[in-house]
Amino acid sequence: MLIHIGFGNIVNTSKIIAIVSPDSAPIKRMVQSAKERGLAIDATQGRKTKSVLVMENSQVVLSALLPETIAGRVQAGQGEAGELPESEEA
């Protein structure tokens, strides 16, 4: 299943290992390391990073949505490609 993580960006939920907040020092180090190795995907569209999705293949995806928002969409099966919430369609 695909999940909408903000600003028209979609990820495969079966490849997500964890959805974490970027505030702690270990997560900041992990994101910096992924950027240096070319394994970071920035899906924030220039906004503040509010969550980090850790993927199966050691990639990290940065999102401007809160971890709770993304987790809620995964659990509810919402946010699939083509089913954008009305507030984000325009």
Protein backbone atom coordinates (compact mmCIF):
# COMPACT_ATOMS: atom_id res chain seq x y z
CA MET A 1 0.00 0.00 0.00
CA LEU A 2 1.17 3.53 -0.72
CA ILE A 3 0.82 6.36 1.80
CA HIS A 4 0.80 10.11 1.20
CA ILE A 5 3.51 11.84 3.29
CA GLY A 6 2.77 15.41 2.25
CA PHE A 7 3.12 17.72 -0.76
CA GLY A 8 2.35 15.04 -3.33
CA ASN A 9 4.98 12.60 -2.03
CA ILE A 10 4.10 8.93 -1.66
CA VAL A 11 5.97 6.02 0.00
CA ASN A 12 5.44 2.27 0.10
CA THR A 13 4.23 1.35 3.60
CA SER A 14 5.58 -2.19 3.36
CA LYS A 15 9.14 -0.79 3.22
CA ILE A 16 8.83 1.42 6.34
CA ILE A 17 10.67 0.17 9.43
CA ALA A 18 10.07 3.18 11.70
CA ILE A 19 8.57 6.67 11.76
CA VAL A 20 10.45 8.84 14.25
CA SER A 21 10.78 12.45 15.35
CA PRO A 22 13.96 14.19 14.10
CA ASP A 23 14.63 15.98 17.40
CA SER A 24 16.95 13.55 19.23
CA ALA A 25 20.71 13.58 18.69
CA PRO A 26 20.90 9.94 17.47
CA ILE A 27 18.28 10.59 14.80
CA LYS A 28 20.04 13.79 13.73
CA ARG A 29 23.28 11.80 13.36
CA MET A 30 21.48 9.09 11.38
CA VAL A 31 19.98 11.68 9.00
CA GLN A 32 23.35 13.43 8.55
CA SER A 33 25.04 10.10 7.84
CA ALA A 34 22.34 9.19 5.29
CA LYS A 35 22.79 12.57 3.57
CA GLU A 36 26.55 12.04 3.35
CA ARG A 37 26.06 8.58 1.82
CA GLY A 38 23.34 9.76 -0.56
CA LEU A 39 20.63 7.71 1.14
CA ALA A 40 18.41 10.57 2.32
CA ILE A 41 15.29 11.55 0.43
CA ASP A 42 14.02 15.02 1.31
CA ALA A 43 10.24 15.16 0.83
CA THR A 44 9.74 18.33 2.90
CA GLN A 45 9.53 20.75 -0.04
CA GLY A 46 11.72 23.21 1.90
CA ARG A 47 9.69 23.06 5.10
CA LYS A 48 10.85 21.99 8.56
CA THR A 49 11.43 18.25 8.95
CA LYS A 50 8.91 16.91 11.46
CA SER A 51 9.36 13.18 10.89
CA VAL A 52 11.93 10.74 9.58
CA LEU A 53 10.85 7.51 7.92
CA VAL A 54 13.46 4.76 8.20
CA MET A 55 13.17 2.39 5.24
CA GLU A 56 14.21 -1.26 4.75
CA ASN A 57 17.07 -0.41 2.38
CA SER A 58 18.83 1.95 4.87
CA GLN A 59 17.34 5.02 3.20
CA VAL A 60 15.69 7.72 5.27
CA VAL A 61 12.79 9.85 4.03
CA LEU A 62 12.31 13.30 5.56
CA SER A 63 8.74 14.56 5.82
CA ALA A 64 7.13 17.81 6.96
CA LEU A 65 4.19 15.91 8.50
CA LEU A 66 4.16 14.85 12.14
CA PRO A 67 4.95 11.19 12.90
CA GLU A 68 1.49 10.82 14.46
CA THR A 69 -0.15 12.03 11.24
CA ILE A 70 1.74 9.56 9.07
CA ALA A 71 1.20 6.69 11.52
CA GLY A 72 -2.52 7.49 11.62
CA ARG A 73 -2.71 7.34 7.84
CA VAL A 74 -0.91 4.01 7.77
CA GLN A 75 -3.22 2.53 10.41
CA ALA A 76 -6.38 3.89 8.81
CA GLY A 77 -5.30 3.02 5.27
CA GLN A 78 -5.78 6.67 4.27
CA GLY A 79 -3.56 8.77 2.06
CA GLU A 80 -3.24 6.23 -0.73
CA ALA A 81 -2.13 7.55 -4.10
CA GLY A 82 -5.06 9.29 -5.70
CA GLU A 83 -6.86 9.82 -2.39
CA LEU A 84 -5.38 13.11 -1.25
CA PRO A 85 -7.17 14.87 1.59
CA GLU A 86 -9.25 17.82 0.38
CA SER A 87 -7.02 20.35 2.18
CA GLU A 88 -3.99 19.23 0.14
CA GLU A 89 -5.56 18.72 -3.30
CA ALA A 90 -5.18 22.28 -4.62
